[in-house]
Amino acid sequence: MQKLFDSYRVEEQAYKGCLSLLKLADKYSPQLLENACRIALIRIPNPRYKNIRLILESGQDKKGDGTLQSYSSSSNKYACVRGASYYRGGSHEE
């Protein structure tokens, strides 16, 4: 909530976004909403209602604290996804 208020010059402009965010607790549980907010704060510099809603809709919040720890404690952010065989050249079908 504080990030929402900080992102607006006039405090009253943030009210609608905060109310919409709180209404998500009616559709999803307060714990899921809290998890989604925590994930949004880790991934997005200035999260908005839409970001948190999309996290809830996609189910990323249900993974719990395990995903939060893996994002925050990951030392290798730029892991090689394709592997060494891809970068050797030649045929990519193995």
C-alpha atoms as a PDB file:
ATOM      1  CA  MET A   1       0.000   0.000   0.000  1.00  0.00           C
ATOM      2  CA  GLN A   2       2.789   2.383   0.860  1.00  0.00           C
ATOM      3  CA  LYS A   3       4.367   1.916  -2.577  1.00  0.00           C
ATOM      4  CA  LEU A   4       1.043   2.860  -4.179  1.00  0.00           C
ATOM      5  CA  PHE A   5       0.759   5.999  -2.081  1.00  0.00           C
ATOM      6  CA  ASP A   6       4.369   6.923  -2.795  1.00  0.00           C
ATOM      7  CA  SER A   7       3.872   6.647  -6.540  1.00  0.00           C
ATOM      8  CA  TYR A   8       1.244   9.425  -6.661  1.00  0.00           C
ATOM      9  CA  ARG A   9       1.839  13.126  -6.047  1.00  0.00           C
ATOM     10  CA  VAL A  10      -1.604  13.593  -4.529  1.00  0.00           C
ATOM     11  CA  GLU A  11      -2.486  11.036  -1.874  1.00  0.00           C
ATOM     12  CA  GLU A  12      -6.171  10.920  -2.838  1.00  0.00           C
ATOM     13  CA  GLN A  13      -5.275   9.592  -6.287  1.00  0.00           C
ATOM     14  CA  ALA A  14      -4.016   6.351  -4.725  1.00  0.00           C
ATOM     15  CA  TYR A  15      -7.298   5.598  -2.930  1.00  0.00           C
ATOM     16  CA  LYS A  16      -8.960   3.845  -5.864  1.00  0.00           C
ATOM     17  CA  GLY A  17      -5.989   1.548  -6.435  1.00  0.00           C
ATOM     18  CA  CYS A  18      -5.777   0.683  -2.740  1.00  0.00           C
ATOM     19  CA  LEU A  19      -9.492  -0.055  -2.513  1.00  0.00           C
ATOM     20  CA  SER A  20      -9.299  -2.255  -5.604  1.00  0.00           C
ATOM     21  CA  LEU A  21      -6.346  -4.057  -4.085  1.00  0.00           C
ATOM     22  CA  LEU A  22      -8.224  -4.677  -0.844  1.00  0.00           C
ATOM     23  CA  LYS A  23     -11.218  -6.005  -2.800  1.00  0.00           C
ATOM     24  CA  LEU A  24      -8.980  -8.761  -4.155  1.00  0.00           C
ATOM     25  CA  ALA A  25      -9.013 -10.231  -0.631  1.00  0.00           C
ATOM     26  CA  ASP A  26     -12.739 -10.915  -1.131  1.00  0.00           C
ATOM     27  CA  LYS A  27     -12.091 -13.045  -4.211  1.00  0.00           C
ATOM     28  CA  TYR A  28      -8.806 -14.573  -3.006  1.00  0.00           C
ATOM     29  CA  SER A  29      -7.778 -15.230   0.580  1.00  0.00           C
ATOM     30  CA  PRO A  30      -5.897 -12.527   2.516  1.00  0.00           C
ATOM     31  CA  GLN A  31      -2.875 -14.859   2.713  1.00  0.00           C
ATOM     32  CA  LEU A  32      -2.779 -15.294  -1.073  1.00  0.00           C
ATOM     33  CA  LEU A  33      -3.082 -11.546  -1.503  1.00  0.00           C
ATOM     34  CA  GLU A  34      -0.208 -11.026   0.933  1.00  0.00           C
ATOM     35  CA  ASN A  35       1.936 -13.539  -0.994  1.00  0.00           C
ATOM     36  CA  ALA A  36       1.108 -11.848  -4.295  1.00  0.00           C
ATOM     37  CA  CYS A  37       2.039  -8.451  -2.865  1.00  0.00           C
ATOM     38  CA  ARG A  38       5.322  -9.843  -1.565  1.00  0.00           C
ATOM     39  CA  ILE A  39       6.135 -11.321  -4.976  1.00  0.00           C
ATOM     40  CA  ALA A  40       5.207  -8.064  -6.718  1.00  0.00           C
ATOM     41  CA  LEU A  41       7.483  -6.069  -4.418  1.00  0.00           C
ATOM     42  CA  ILE A  42      10.384  -8.381  -5.230  1.00  0.00           C
ATOM     43  CA  ARG A  43       9.889  -8.396  -9.004  1.00  0.00           C
ATOM     44  CA  ILE A  44       8.458  -4.956  -9.790  1.00  0.00           C
ATOM     45  CA  PRO A  45       9.889  -1.601  -8.647  1.00  0.00           C
ATOM     46  CA  ASN A  46       6.480   0.130  -8.485  1.00  0.00           C
ATOM     47  CA  PRO A  47       3.755  -2.526  -8.431  1.00  0.00           C
ATOM     48  CA  ARG A  48       0.195  -1.584  -9.322  1.00  0.00           C
ATOM     49  CA  TYR A  49      -3.188  -3.236  -8.857  1.00  0.00           C
ATOM     50  CA  LYS A  50      -2.990  -4.858 -12.281  1.00  0.00           C
ATOM     51  CA  ASN A  51       0.383  -6.474 -11.505  1.00  0.00           C
ATOM     52  CA  ILE A  52      -0.904  -8.023  -8.298  1.00  0.00           C
ATOM     53  CA  ARG A  53      -4.144  -9.134  -9.927  1.00  0.00           C
ATOM     54  CA  LEU A  54      -2.217 -10.889 -12.697  1.00  0.00           C
ATOM     55  CA  ILE A  55      -0.007 -12.648 -10.138  1.00  0.00           C
ATOM     56  CA  LEU A  56      -3.134 -13.910  -8.372  1.00  0.00           C
ATOM     57  CA  GLU A  57      -4.847 -14.982 -11.605  1.00  0.00           C
ATOM     58  CA  SER A  58      -1.812 -16.900 -12.831  1.00  0.00           C
ATOM     59  CA  GLY A  59      -1.405 -18.704  -9.501  1.00  0.00           C
ATOM     60  CA  GLN A  60       2.161 -17.550  -8.866  1.00  0.00           C
ATOM     61  CA  ASP A  61       1.177 -16.605  -5.317  1.00  0.00           C
ATOM     62  CA  LYS A  62       0.311 -20.206  -4.393  1.00  0.00           C
ATOM     63  CA  LYS A  63       3.916 -21.338  -4.594  1.00  0.00           C
ATOM     64  CA  GLY A  64       4.486 -19.831  -1.168  1.00  0.00           C
ATOM     65  CA  ASP A  65       7.734 -18.831   0.453  1.00  0.00           C
ATOM     66  CA  GLY A  66       9.834 -21.252  -1.612  1.00  0.00           C
ATOM     67  CA  THR A  67       9.620 -19.053  -4.693  1.00  0.00           C
ATOM     68  CA  LEU A  68      10.301 -15.948  -2.686  1.00  0.00           C
ATOM     69  CA  GLN A  69      13.478 -17.418  -1.286  1.00  0.00           C
ATOM     70  CA  SER A  70      14.630 -18.670  -4.671  1.00  0.00           C
ATOM     71  CA  TYR A  71      14.204 -15.215  -6.215  1.00  0.00           C
ATOM     72  CA  SER A  72      15.882 -13.355  -3.375  1.00  0.00           C
ATOM     73  CA  SER A  73      18.748 -15.770  -2.703  1.00  0.00           C
ATOM     74  CA  SER A  74      19.523 -16.667  -6.294  1.00  0.00           C
ATOM     75  CA  SER A  75      23.189 -15.913  -6.854  1.00  0.00           C
ATOM     76  CA  ASN A  76      23.185 -16.909 -10.535  1.00  0.00           C
ATOM     77  CA  LYS A  77      20.679 -14.562 -12.145  1.00  0.00           C
ATOM     78  CA  TYR A  78      21.957 -15.121 -15.669  1.00  0.00           C
ATOM     79  CA  ALA A  79      22.061 -18.884 -15.943  1.00  0.00           C
ATOM     80  CA  CYS A  80      22.802 -20.471 -19.301  1.00  0.00           C
ATOM     81  CA  VAL A  81      19.445 -21.756 -20.458  1.00  0.00           C
ATOM     82  CA  ARG A  82      20.324 -23.528 -23.690  1.00  0.00           C
ATOM     83  CA  GLY A  83      23.491 -25.334 -22.649  1.00  0.00           C
ATOM     84  CA  ALA A  84      26.917 -25.738 -24.158  1.00  0.00           C
ATOM     85  CA  SER A  85      25.808 -27.899 -27.100  1.00  0.00           C
ATOM     86  CA  TYR A  86      23.680 -25.077 -28.474  1.00  0.00           C
ATOM     87  CA  TYR A  87      26.564 -22.633 -28.606  1.00  0.00           C
ATOM     88  CA  ARG A  88      29.011 -25.054 -30.270  1.00  0.00           C
ATOM     89  CA  GLY A  89      27.250 -24.579 -33.571  1.00  0.00           C
ATOM     90  CA  GLY A  90      26.172 -27.124 -36.132  1.00  0.00           C
ATOM     91  CA  SER A  91      22.960 -29.066 -35.731  1.00  0.00           C
ATOM     92  CA  HIS A  92      20.859 -28.119 -32.712  1.00  0.00           C
ATOM     93  CA  GLU A  93      18.920 -31.364 -32.725  1.00  0.00           C
ATOM     94  CA  GLU A  94      20.423 -33.895 -30.366  1.00  0.00           C
END
